[in-house]
Amino acid sequence: MKHPSSRQFFAYWDKKRGTARAPDRADIDPAAVRGLLGDIFVLSCEQNLGFPFRVAGTRVCALAGLDLKDQSFAALFTEASRSEIEEITTVVADETLGAIAGITAAREDGSKAHLELLLLPFNARPHTPVSVTGVLAPFDDECGALSAFTLTSWRYLHQPEKLLPRAIRKLQIARGLMVYEGLR
């Protein structure tokens, strides 16, 4: 992580999760991260709606040039990056691990702005909507409204040996008769 906002929010999130894979949404106190609230957002994990914003900080809204509440997160990205950002966001929510990404976007004058995106999961609870939080922070303070967000690099924040793939985890909770297709 290069941006100070990403490092500070990740440190707070990591402290709040303790030994769990992720903290509960109720564990995150906005007052504790008051100085970062402009860069923080929360997404609803509804892939068919493009992961709409539940909450978006003022600086995040200023970067997009509009109020982002209920707007599609994926729609901010170019067509070439959209499916990849949707897959990353899905993995963050499903696998309960964070991701960090480098992004470029077009300024109004046509030049490029460089940003850092941090996506962090919340602990999934039964009967509650799944959501993801994060930080979108530009490296240049004077960006203005941006468009055509493009994913340039990304990586997941985890220890590979501690992960269980989604399919194995689903099999571990399966009960009763299971039929496996295959040869004799």
N, C-alpha and C. Protein backbone atom coordinates (compact mmCIF):
# COMPACT_ATOMS: atom_id res chain seq x y z
N MET A 1 0.84 -1.17 0.00
CA MET A 1 0.00 0.00 0.00
C MET A 1 0.88 1.23 0.00
N LYS A 2 0.55 2.14 -0.89
CA LYS A 2 1.36 3.34 -1.02
C LYS A 2 0.70 4.57 -0.41
N HIS A 3 -0.61 4.67 -0.51
CA HIS A 3 -1.30 5.87 -0.05
C HIS A 3 -1.49 5.83 1.47
N PRO A 4 -1.24 6.94 2.16
CA PRO A 4 -1.40 6.96 3.62
C PRO A 4 -2.82 6.61 4.08
N SER A 5 -3.84 7.04 3.35
CA SER A 5 -5.23 6.71 3.73
C SER A 5 -5.46 5.21 3.70
N SER A 6 -4.93 4.54 2.69
CA SER A 6 -5.07 3.08 2.59
C SER A 6 -4.37 2.39 3.75
N ARG A 7 -3.15 2.82 4.05
CA ARG A 7 -2.40 2.21 5.15
C ARG A 7 -3.11 2.41 6.49
N GLN A 8 -3.61 3.62 6.74
CA GLN A 8 -4.27 3.91 8.02
C GLN A 8 -5.57 3.13 8.16
N PHE A 9 -6.38 3.08 7.09
CA PHE A 9 -7.65 2.37 7.18
C PHE A 9 -7.42 0.87 7.30
N PHE A 10 -6.43 0.34 6.58
CA PHE A 10 -6.14 -1.08 6.70
C PHE A 10 -5.68 -1.42 8.12
N ALA A 11 -4.84 -0.58 8.72
CA ALA A 11 -4.37 -0.82 10.09
C ALA A 11 -5.54 -0.82 11.07
N TYR A 12 -6.48 0.11 10.89
CA TYR A 12 -7.66 0.16 11.76
C TYR A 12 -8.52 -1.09 11.55
N TRP A 13 -8.79 -1.45 10.29
CA TRP A 13 -9.59 -2.64 9.96
C TRP A 13 -8.94 -3.90 10.53
N ASP A 14 -7.61 -4.01 10.37
CA ASP A 14 -6.87 -5.17 10.86
C ASP A 14 -6.94 -5.27 12.38
N LYS A 15 -6.86 -4.15 13.06
CA LYS A 15 -6.96 -4.13 14.53
C LYS A 15 -8.36 -4.57 14.96
N LYS A 16 -9.38 -4.11 14.27
CA LYS A 16 -10.77 -4.43 14.62
C LYS A 16 -11.12 -5.89 14.36
N ARG A 17 -10.48 -6.52 13.39
CA ARG A 17 -10.82 -7.91 13.11
C ARG A 17 -10.19 -8.87 14.10
N GLY A 18 -9.12 -8.48 14.75
CA GLY A 18 -8.44 -9.35 15.72
C GLY A 18 -7.97 -10.63 15.05
N THR A 19 -8.43 -11.78 15.54
CA THR A 19 -8.02 -13.06 14.95
C THR A 19 -9.01 -13.56 13.90
N ALA A 20 -10.11 -12.83 13.69
CA ALA A 20 -11.11 -13.22 12.69
C ALA A 20 -10.61 -12.86 11.30
N ARG A 21 -11.27 -13.39 10.28
CA ARG A 21 -10.91 -13.06 8.89
C ARG A 21 -11.27 -11.63 8.54
N ALA A 22 -12.34 -11.11 9.17
CA ALA A 22 -12.78 -9.73 8.92
C ALA A 22 -13.60 -9.26 10.12
N PRO A 23 -13.67 -7.95 10.33
CA PRO A 23 -14.50 -7.44 11.44
C PRO A 23 -15.97 -7.39 11.03
N ASP A 24 -16.85 -7.33 12.02
CA ASP A 24 -18.26 -7.07 11.74
C ASP A 24 -18.39 -5.61 11.32
N ARG A 25 -19.42 -5.34 10.54
CA ARG A 25 -19.64 -3.96 10.10
C ARG A 25 -19.86 -3.04 11.29
N ALA A 26 -20.52 -3.53 12.34
CA ALA A 26 -20.81 -2.73 13.53
C ALA A 26 -19.54 -2.39 14.31
N ASP A 27 -18.44 -3.13 14.09
CA ASP A 27 -17.19 -2.87 14.80
C ASP A 27 -16.45 -1.63 14.29
N ILE A 28 -16.77 -1.20 13.08
CA ILE A 28 -16.10 -0.05 12.50
C ILE A 28 -16.79 1.23 12.98
N ASP A 29 -16.06 2.03 13.73
CA ASP A 29 -16.58 3.28 14.28
C ASP A 29 -16.12 4.45 13.43
N PRO A 30 -17.03 5.15 12.75
CA PRO A 30 -16.62 6.27 11.90
C PRO A 30 -15.82 7.35 12.65
N ALA A 31 -16.11 7.55 13.92
CA ALA A 31 -15.39 8.56 14.69
C ALA A 31 -13.90 8.22 14.81
N ALA A 32 -13.58 6.92 14.82
CA ALA A 32 -12.19 6.50 14.95
C ALA A 32 -11.37 6.75 13.69
N VAL A 33 -12.05 6.87 12.56
CA VAL A 33 -11.36 7.11 11.29
C VAL A 33 -11.84 8.42 10.67
N ARG A 34 -12.17 9.36 11.52
CA ARG A 34 -12.75 10.65 11.12
C ARG A 34 -11.96 11.33 10.00
N GLY A 35 -10.66 11.33 10.08
CA GLY A 35 -9.83 12.00 9.08
C GLY A 35 -9.81 11.31 7.72
N LEU A 36 -10.28 10.07 7.67
CA LEU A 36 -10.27 9.30 6.42
C LEU A 36 -11.65 9.20 5.77
N LEU A 37 -12.69 9.68 6.43
CA LEU A 37 -14.06 9.47 5.96
C LEU A 37 -14.30 9.97 4.53
N GLY A 38 -13.61 10.98 4.10
CA GLY A 38 -13.78 11.47 2.73
C GLY A 38 -13.35 10.47 1.68
N ASP A 39 -12.43 9.58 2.03
CA ASP A 39 -11.90 8.58 1.09
C ASP A 39 -12.56 7.21 1.23
N ILE A 40 -13.41 7.02 2.24
CA ILE A 40 -13.98 5.71 2.53
C ILE A 40 -15.35 5.55 1.88
N PHE A 41 -15.66 4.32 1.49
CA PHE A 41 -16.96 3.98 0.94
C PHE A 41 -17.37 2.59 1.41
N VAL A 42 -18.66 2.28 1.25
CA VAL A 42 -19.19 0.95 1.53
C VAL A 42 -20.02 0.54 0.32
N LEU A 43 -19.78 -0.67 -0.17
CA LEU A 43 -20.51 -1.20 -1.33
C LEU A 43 -21.43 -2.32 -0.90
N SER A 44 -22.58 -2.38 -1.53
CA SER A 44 -23.48 -3.51 -1.36
C SER A 44 -23.05 -4.59 -2.35
N CYS A 45 -22.97 -5.82 -1.91
CA CYS A 45 -22.49 -6.90 -2.78
C CYS A 45 -23.64 -7.48 -3.61
N GLU A 46 -24.14 -6.67 -4.51
CA GLU A 46 -25.17 -7.08 -5.45
C GLU A 46 -24.57 -6.96 -6.84
N GLN A 47 -23.97 -8.05 -7.31
CA GLN A 47 -23.25 -8.02 -8.58
C GLN A 47 -24.15 -7.64 -9.74
N ASN A 48 -25.39 -8.09 -9.74
CA ASN A 48 -26.29 -7.77 -10.84
C ASN A 48 -26.59 -6.27 -10.94
N LEU A 49 -26.36 -5.51 -9.86
CA LEU A 49 -26.54 -4.06 -9.87
C LEU A 49 -25.21 -3.32 -9.96
N GLY A 50 -24.12 -4.04 -10.15
CA GLY A 50 -22.80 -3.42 -10.27
C GLY A 50 -22.19 -2.97 -8.97
N PHE A 51 -22.56 -3.61 -7.86
CA PHE A 51 -22.05 -3.27 -6.52
C PHE A 51 -22.35 -1.81 -6.19
N PRO A 52 -23.61 -1.50 -5.93
CA PRO A 52 -23.97 -0.09 -5.65
C PRO A 52 -23.36 0.43 -4.35
N PHE A 53 -23.08 1.71 -4.35
CA PHE A 53 -22.55 2.38 -3.16
C PHE A 53 -23.66 2.50 -2.13
N ARG A 54 -23.38 2.08 -0.90
CA ARG A 54 -24.29 2.34 0.22
C ARG A 54 -23.93 3.68 0.83
N VAL A 55 -22.63 3.90 0.98
CA VAL A 55 -22.09 5.13 1.56
C VAL A 55 -20.85 5.48 0.76
N ALA A 56 -20.66 6.76 0.49
CA ALA A 56 -19.45 7.21 -0.19
C ALA A 56 -19.01 8.54 0.42
N GLY A 57 -17.73 8.62 0.75
CA GLY A 57 -17.18 9.84 1.32
C GLY A 57 -17.22 10.99 0.33
N THR A 58 -17.11 12.21 0.86
CA THR A 58 -17.22 13.40 0.02
C THR A 58 -16.12 13.48 -1.05
N ARG A 59 -14.93 13.05 -0.69
CA ARG A 59 -13.84 13.09 -1.67
C ARG A 59 -14.03 12.05 -2.77
N VAL A 60 -14.58 10.88 -2.41
CA VAL A 60 -14.87 9.85 -3.41
C VAL A 60 -15.94 10.38 -4.37
N CYS A 61 -16.98 11.01 -3.84
CA CYS A 61 -18.03 11.59 -4.69
C CYS A 61 -17.47 12.70 -5.58
N ALA A 62 -16.57 13.52 -5.04
CA ALA A 62 -15.96 14.59 -5.84
C ALA A 62 -15.13 14.01 -6.98
N LEU A 63 -14.45 12.88 -6.74
CA LEU A 63 -13.66 12.25 -7.80
C LEU A 63 -14.56 11.78 -8.95
N ALA A 64 -15.75 11.31 -8.62
CA ALA A 64 -16.68 10.83 -9.64
C ALA A 64 -17.51 11.98 -10.23
N GLY A 65 -17.55 13.11 -9.54
CA GLY A 65 -18.30 14.25 -10.03
C GLY A 65 -19.80 14.17 -9.78
N LEU A 66 -20.23 13.28 -8.87
CA LEU A 66 -21.64 13.15 -8.53
C LEU A 66 -21.80 12.43 -7.21
N ASP A 67 -23.00 12.52 -6.63
CA ASP A 67 -23.30 11.79 -5.41
C ASP A 67 -23.40 10.31 -5.79
N LEU A 68 -22.64 9.46 -5.16
CA LEU A 68 -22.55 8.06 -5.55
C LEU A 68 -23.53 7.14 -4.83
N LYS A 69 -24.30 7.63 -3.87
CA LYS A 69 -25.24 6.76 -3.16
C LYS A 69 -26.16 6.07 -4.16
N ASP A 70 -26.22 4.74 -4.06
CA ASP A 70 -27.02 3.87 -4.92
C ASP A 70 -26.52 3.80 -6.37
N GLN A 71 -25.40 4.41 -6.68
CA GLN A 71 -24.82 4.32 -8.02
C GLN A 71 -23.93 3.09 -8.12
N SER A 72 -23.74 2.58 -9.31
CA SER A 72 -22.94 1.39 -9.54
C SER A 72 -21.45 1.69 -9.43
N PHE A 73 -20.76 0.94 -8.58
CA PHE A 73 -19.30 1.05 -8.46
C PHE A 73 -18.64 0.60 -9.77
N ALA A 74 -19.09 -0.51 -10.32
CA ALA A 74 -18.49 -1.06 -11.54
C ALA A 74 -18.65 -0.11 -12.73
N ALA A 75 -19.71 0.69 -12.74
CA ALA A 75 -19.95 1.61 -13.86
C ALA A 75 -18.91 2.74 -13.92
N LEU A 76 -18.17 2.97 -12.84
CA LEU A 76 -17.10 3.97 -12.87
C LEU A 76 -15.97 3.54 -13.79
N PHE A 77 -15.83 2.24 -14.00
CA PHE A 77 -14.70 1.69 -14.73
C PHE A 77 -14.99 1.54 -16.22
N THR A 78 -13.90 1.56 -17.00
CA THR A 78 -14.04 1.37 -18.44
C THR A 78 -14.54 -0.04 -18.72
N GLU A 79 -15.05 -0.25 -19.89
CA GLU A 79 -15.57 -1.57 -20.27
C GLU A 79 -14.50 -2.65 -20.13
N ALA A 80 -13.25 -2.32 -20.46
CA ALA A 80 -12.16 -3.29 -20.38
C ALA A 80 -11.85 -3.70 -18.95
N SER A 81 -12.05 -2.82 -17.97
CA SER A 81 -11.73 -3.11 -16.57
C SER A 81 -12.94 -3.57 -15.76
N ARG A 82 -14.14 -3.38 -16.29
CA ARG A 82 -15.36 -3.63 -15.51
C ARG A 82 -15.50 -5.06 -15.01
N SER A 83 -15.30 -6.04 -15.88
CA SER A 83 -15.47 -7.43 -15.45
C SER A 83 -14.40 -7.82 -14.43
N GLU A 84 -13.21 -7.28 -14.60
CA GLU A 84 -12.13 -7.59 -13.65
C GLU A 84 -12.40 -6.99 -12.27
N ILE A 85 -12.90 -5.75 -12.21
CA ILE A 85 -13.19 -5.14 -10.91
C ILE A 85 -14.38 -5.84 -10.26
N GLU A 86 -15.34 -6.30 -11.05
CA GLU A 86 -16.46 -7.06 -10.50
C GLU A 86 -15.97 -8.39 -9.90
N GLU A 87 -15.05 -9.05 -10.59
CA GLU A 87 -14.50 -10.32 -10.08
C GLU A 87 -13.70 -10.09 -8.80
N ILE A 88 -12.89 -9.05 -8.76
CA ILE A 88 -12.11 -8.74 -7.56
C ILE A 88 -13.03 -8.45 -6.38
N THR A 89 -14.07 -7.66 -6.59
CA THR A 89 -15.00 -7.31 -5.52
C THR A 89 -15.75 -8.55 -5.04
N THR A 90 -16.12 -9.44 -5.96
CA THR A 90 -16.79 -10.68 -5.59
C THR A 90 -15.88 -11.56 -4.74
N VAL A 91 -14.63 -11.68 -5.12
CA VAL A 91 -13.67 -12.50 -4.36
C VAL A 91 -13.44 -11.89 -2.97
N VAL A 92 -13.33 -10.57 -2.89
CA VAL A 92 -13.15 -9.92 -1.59
C VAL A 92 -14.31 -10.29 -0.65
N ALA A 93 -15.53 -10.26 -1.17
CA ALA A 93 -16.70 -10.58 -0.35
C ALA A 93 -16.81 -12.07 -0.06
N ASP A 94 -16.65 -12.91 -1.08
CA ASP A 94 -16.83 -14.36 -0.92
C ASP A 94 -15.71 -15.03 -0.14
N GLU A 95 -14.48 -14.63 -0.38
CA GLU A 95 -13.33 -15.27 0.25
C GLU A 95 -12.89 -14.56 1.53
N THR A 96 -13.51 -13.44 1.85
CA THR A 96 -13.20 -12.66 3.05
C THR A 96 -11.71 -12.31 3.12
N LEU A 97 -11.24 -11.67 2.06
CA LEU A 97 -9.86 -11.18 2.04
C LEU A 97 -9.83 -9.84 1.33
N GLY A 98 -8.84 -9.06 1.65
CA GLY A 98 -8.73 -7.72 1.08
C GLY A 98 -8.02 -7.73 -0.26
N ALA A 99 -8.14 -6.60 -0.96
CA ALA A 99 -7.44 -6.42 -2.23
C ALA A 99 -6.98 -4.97 -2.32
N ILE A 100 -5.86 -4.79 -2.98
CA ILE A 100 -5.32 -3.45 -3.22
C ILE A 100 -5.10 -3.32 -4.72
N ALA A 101 -5.45 -2.16 -5.28
CA ALA A 101 -5.34 -1.99 -6.73
C ALA A 101 -4.84 -0.60 -7.07
N GLY A 102 -4.11 -0.54 -8.17
CA GLY A 102 -3.71 0.73 -8.76
C GLY A 102 -4.69 1.06 -9.87
N ILE A 103 -5.09 2.32 -9.94
CA ILE A 103 -6.08 2.75 -10.92
C ILE A 103 -5.60 4.03 -11.58
N THR A 104 -5.89 4.16 -12.86
CA THR A 104 -5.72 5.43 -13.54
C THR A 104 -7.10 5.91 -13.97
N ALA A 105 -7.26 7.20 -14.08
CA ALA A 105 -8.52 7.79 -14.53
C ALA A 105 -8.20 9.03 -15.36
N ALA A 106 -9.15 9.41 -16.18
CA ALA A 106 -8.96 10.56 -17.06
C ALA A 106 -9.47 11.83 -16.37
N ARG A 107 -8.63 12.86 -16.36
CA ARG A 107 -9.06 14.17 -15.86
C ARG A 107 -9.85 14.87 -16.97
N GLU A 108 -10.48 15.97 -16.62
CA GLU A 108 -11.27 16.72 -17.61
C GLU A 108 -10.41 17.24 -18.75
N ASP A 109 -9.13 17.54 -18.48
CA ASP A 109 -8.23 18.04 -19.53
C ASP A 109 -7.59 16.91 -20.34
N GLY A 110 -7.94 15.66 -20.03
CA GLY A 110 -7.43 14.51 -20.79
C GLY A 110 -6.21 13.86 -20.19
N SER A 111 -5.57 14.48 -19.20
CA SER A 111 -4.40 13.87 -18.57
C SER A 111 -4.84 12.76 -17.62
N LYS A 112 -3.88 11.96 -17.19
CA LYS A 112 -4.17 10.83 -16.31
C LYS A 112 -3.95 11.19 -14.85
N ALA A 113 -4.83 10.66 -14.02
CA ALA A 113 -4.67 10.75 -12.57
C ALA A 113 -4.45 9.35 -12.05
N HIS A 114 -3.62 9.21 -11.04
CA HIS A 114 -3.31 7.91 -10.45
C HIS A 114 -3.95 7.82 -9.07
N LEU A 115 -4.62 6.68 -8.82
CA LEU A 115 -5.33 6.47 -7.56
C LEU A 115 -4.99 5.10 -7.00
N GLU A 116 -5.28 4.93 -5.71
CA GLU A 116 -5.14 3.63 -5.08
C GLU A 116 -6.50 3.21 -4.53
N LEU A 117 -6.87 1.97 -4.77
CA LEU A 117 -8.14 1.41 -4.31
C LEU A 117 -7.84 0.28 -3.34
N LEU A 118 -8.44 0.36 -2.16
CA LEU A 118 -8.34 -0.68 -1.15
C LEU A 118 -9.74 -1.23 -0.93
N LEU A 119 -9.92 -2.53 -1.08
CA LEU A 119 -11.20 -3.19 -0.83
C LEU A 119 -11.03 -4.15 0.33
N LEU A 120 -11.91 -4.04 1.34
CA LEU A 120 -11.83 -4.88 2.53
C LEU A 120 -13.21 -5.45 2.85
N PRO A 121 -13.28 -6.71 3.23
CA PRO A 121 -14.57 -7.33 3.53
C PRO A 121 -15.03 -7.06 4.96
N PHE A 122 -16.31 -7.25 5.15
CA PHE A 122 -16.89 -7.32 6.48
C PHE A 122 -17.23 -8.78 6.73
N ASN A 123 -17.29 -9.17 7.99
CA ASN A 123 -17.68 -10.52 8.36
C ASN A 123 -19.13 -10.74 7.95
N ALA A 124 -19.40 -11.81 7.22
CA ALA A 124 -20.76 -12.09 6.77
C ALA A 124 -21.58 -12.66 7.92
N ARG A 125 -22.77 -12.14 8.09
CA ARG A 125 -23.68 -12.59 9.15
C ARG A 125 -24.95 -13.11 8.49
N PRO A 126 -25.56 -14.13 9.07
CA PRO A 126 -26.83 -14.61 8.52
C PRO A 126 -27.90 -13.51 8.57
N HIS A 127 -28.70 -13.46 7.52
CA HIS A 127 -29.84 -12.53 7.43
C HIS A 127 -29.43 -11.07 7.38
N THR A 128 -28.21 -10.79 7.01
CA THR A 128 -27.78 -9.40 6.81
C THR A 128 -27.15 -9.30 5.43
N PRO A 129 -27.32 -8.16 4.77
CA PRO A 129 -26.73 -8.01 3.44
C PRO A 129 -25.20 -8.02 3.50
N VAL A 130 -24.60 -8.63 2.51
CA VAL A 130 -23.14 -8.67 2.44
C VAL A 130 -22.65 -7.34 1.87
N SER A 131 -21.61 -6.80 2.48
CA SER A 131 -21.06 -5.54 2.00
C SER A 131 -19.54 -5.55 2.11
N VAL A 132 -18.94 -4.62 1.40
CA VAL A 132 -17.49 -4.46 1.33
C VAL A 132 -17.20 -2.99 1.58
N THR A 133 -16.12 -2.71 2.27
CA THR A 133 -15.71 -1.33 2.49
C THR A 133 -14.38 -1.08 1.79
N GLY A 134 -13.99 0.16 1.73
CA GLY A 134 -12.71 0.44 1.11
C GLY A 134 -12.37 1.91 1.09
N VAL A 135 -11.25 2.17 0.42
CA VAL A 135 -10.73 3.51 0.27
C VAL A 135 -10.40 3.72 -1.21
N LEU A 136 -10.79 4.87 -1.73
CA LEU A 136 -10.39 5.28 -3.07
C LEU A 136 -9.72 6.64 -2.91
N ALA A 137 -8.41 6.67 -3.09
CA ALA A 137 -7.65 7.88 -2.80
C ALA A 137 -6.71 8.22 -3.95
N PRO A 138 -6.75 9.47 -4.41
CA PRO A 138 -5.83 9.91 -5.46
C PRO A 138 -4.48 10.29 -4.87
N PHE A 139 -3.45 10.13 -5.66
CA PHE A 139 -2.11 10.53 -5.22
C PHE A 139 -1.89 12.03 -5.39
N ASP A 140 -2.71 12.67 -6.23
CA ASP A 140 -2.63 14.11 -6.45
C ASP A 140 -3.87 14.74 -5.81
N ASP A 141 -3.69 15.73 -4.95
CA ASP A 141 -4.82 16.33 -4.25
C ASP A 141 -5.74 17.13 -5.16
N GLU A 142 -5.23 17.65 -6.26
CA GLU A 142 -6.03 18.48 -7.16
C GLU A 142 -6.41 17.70 -8.42
N CYS A 143 -7.32 16.74 -8.26
CA CYS A 143 -7.72 15.91 -9.40
C CYS A 143 -8.95 16.44 -10.13
N GLY A 144 -9.89 16.99 -9.40
CA GLY A 144 -11.17 17.35 -9.99
C GLY A 144 -11.98 16.11 -10.28
N ALA A 145 -13.03 16.26 -11.09
CA ALA A 145 -13.86 15.12 -11.45
C ALA A 145 -13.12 14.24 -12.45
N LEU A 146 -13.19 12.92 -12.23
CA LEU A 146 -12.48 11.96 -13.07
C LEU A 146 -13.48 11.06 -13.78
N SER A 147 -13.02 10.44 -14.86
CA SER A 147 -13.84 9.47 -15.58
C SER A 147 -12.94 8.37 -16.12
N ALA A 148 -13.56 7.37 -16.71
CA ALA A 148 -12.84 6.26 -17.35
C ALA A 148 -11.79 5.64 -16.42
N PHE A 149 -12.24 5.17 -15.25
CA PHE A 149 -11.35 4.51 -14.31
C PHE A 149 -10.87 3.21 -14.94
N THR A 150 -9.57 2.99 -14.88
CA THR A 150 -8.96 1.80 -15.48
C THR A 150 -8.09 1.10 -14.45
N LEU A 151 -8.29 -0.18 -14.32
CA LEU A 151 -7.49 -1.00 -13.40
C LEU A 151 -6.12 -1.24 -14.02
N THR A 152 -5.05 -0.88 -13.30
CA THR A 152 -3.71 -1.06 -13.85
C THR A 152 -2.95 -2.20 -13.17
N SER A 153 -3.21 -2.42 -11.89
CA SER A 153 -2.56 -3.51 -11.16
C SER A 153 -3.40 -3.83 -9.94
N TRP A 154 -3.26 -5.05 -9.42
CA TRP A 154 -3.96 -5.42 -8.20
C TRP A 154 -3.37 -6.67 -7.61
N ARG A 155 -3.64 -6.85 -6.31
CA ARG A 155 -3.24 -8.08 -5.63
C ARG A 155 -4.13 -8.25 -4.41
N TYR A 156 -4.27 -9.51 -3.99
CA TYR A 156 -5.04 -9.82 -2.80
C TYR A 156 -4.13 -9.74 -1.58
N LEU A 157 -4.70 -9.38 -0.44
CA LEU A 157 -3.95 -9.24 0.81
C LEU A 157 -4.25 -10.44 1.69
N HIS A 158 -3.48 -11.50 1.55
CA HIS A 158 -3.73 -12.70 2.34
C HIS A 158 -2.48 -13.55 2.43
N GLN A 159 -2.57 -14.53 3.31
CA GLN A 159 -1.57 -15.57 3.40
C GLN A 159 -2.13 -16.76 2.63
N PRO A 160 -1.59 -17.13 1.49
CA PRO A 160 -2.18 -18.17 0.66
C PRO A 160 -2.43 -19.49 1.39
N GLU A 161 -1.59 -19.85 2.33
CA GLU A 161 -1.77 -21.13 3.01
C GLU A 161 -2.99 -21.15 3.93
N LYS A 162 -3.55 -20.01 4.26
CA LYS A 162 -4.70 -19.96 5.16
C LYS A 162 -6.03 -19.96 4.42
N LEU A 163 -6.01 -19.90 3.10
CA LEU A 163 -7.26 -19.80 2.34
C LEU A 163 -7.84 -21.16 1.98
N LEU A 164 -9.14 -21.25 2.02
CA LEU A 164 -9.83 -22.42 1.50
C LEU A 164 -10.59 -21.97 0.25
N PRO A 165 -10.38 -22.60 -0.87
CA PRO A 165 -11.14 -22.20 -2.05
C PRO A 165 -12.64 -22.35 -1.80
N ARG A 166 -13.40 -21.51 -2.50
CA ARG A 166 -14.85 -21.47 -2.34
C ARG A 166 -15.49 -22.85 -2.48
N ALA A 167 -15.08 -23.63 -3.47
CA ALA A 167 -15.68 -24.95 -3.71
C ALA A 167 -15.44 -25.90 -2.53
N ILE A 168 -14.23 -25.90 -1.99
CA ILE A 168 -13.92 -26.79 -0.86
C ILE A 168 -14.72 -26.38 0.36
N ARG A 169 -14.84 -25.08 0.61
CA ARG A 169 -15.59 -24.60 1.76
C ARG A 169 -17.07 -25.01 1.65
N LYS A 170 -17.63 -24.93 0.45
CA LYS A 170 -19.02 -25.32 0.26
C LYS A 170 -19.19 -26.82 0.48
N LEU A 171 -18.20 -27.62 0.07
CA LEU A 171 -18.30 -29.06 0.28
C LEU A 171 -18.21 -29.42 1.75
N GLN A 172 -17.46 -28.64 2.52
CA GLN A 172 -17.32 -28.93 3.95
C GLN A 172 -18.63 -28.78 4.70
N ILE A 173 -19.52 -27.93 4.22
CA ILE A 173 -20.78 -27.74 4.93
C ILE A 173 -21.91 -28.58 4.35
N ALA A 174 -21.64 -29.32 3.25
CA ALA A 174 -22.67 -30.15 2.63
C ALA A 174 -23.02 -31.32 3.55
N ARG A 175 -24.30 -31.64 3.61
CA ARG A 175 -24.78 -32.73 4.44
C ARG A 175 -25.56 -33.72 3.57
N GLY A 176 -25.66 -34.95 4.00
CA GLY A 176 -26.50 -35.93 3.32
C GLY A 176 -25.80 -36.57 2.14
N LEU A 177 -26.62 -37.10 1.24
CA LEU A 177 -26.14 -37.82 0.07
C LEU A 177 -25.56 -36.84 -0.95
N MET A 178 -24.34 -37.12 -1.42
CA MET A 178 -23.74 -36.33 -2.48
C MET A 178 -23.38 -37.24 -3.63
N VAL A 179 -23.69 -36.82 -4.84
CA VAL A 179 -23.39 -37.58 -6.04
C VAL A 179 -22.28 -36.88 -6.79
N TYR A 180 -21.24 -37.62 -7.08
CA TYR A 180 -20.11 -37.07 -7.83
C TYR A 180 -20.14 -37.66 -9.22
N GLU A 181 -20.06 -36.82 -10.24
CA GLU A 181 -20.00 -37.32 -11.60
C GLU A 181 -18.58 -37.79 -11.87
N GLY A 182 -18.48 -38.78 -12.71
CA GLY A 182 -17.15 -39.28 -13.06
C GLY A 182 -17.23 -40.63 -13.70
N LEU A 183 -16.09 -41.23 -13.92
CA LEU A 183 -16.02 -42.55 -14.54
C LEU A 183 -16.16 -43.61 -13.47
N ARG A 184 -16.35 -44.84 -13.89
CA ARG A 184 -16.52 -45.96 -12.96
C ARG A 184 -15.47 -46.04 -11.93
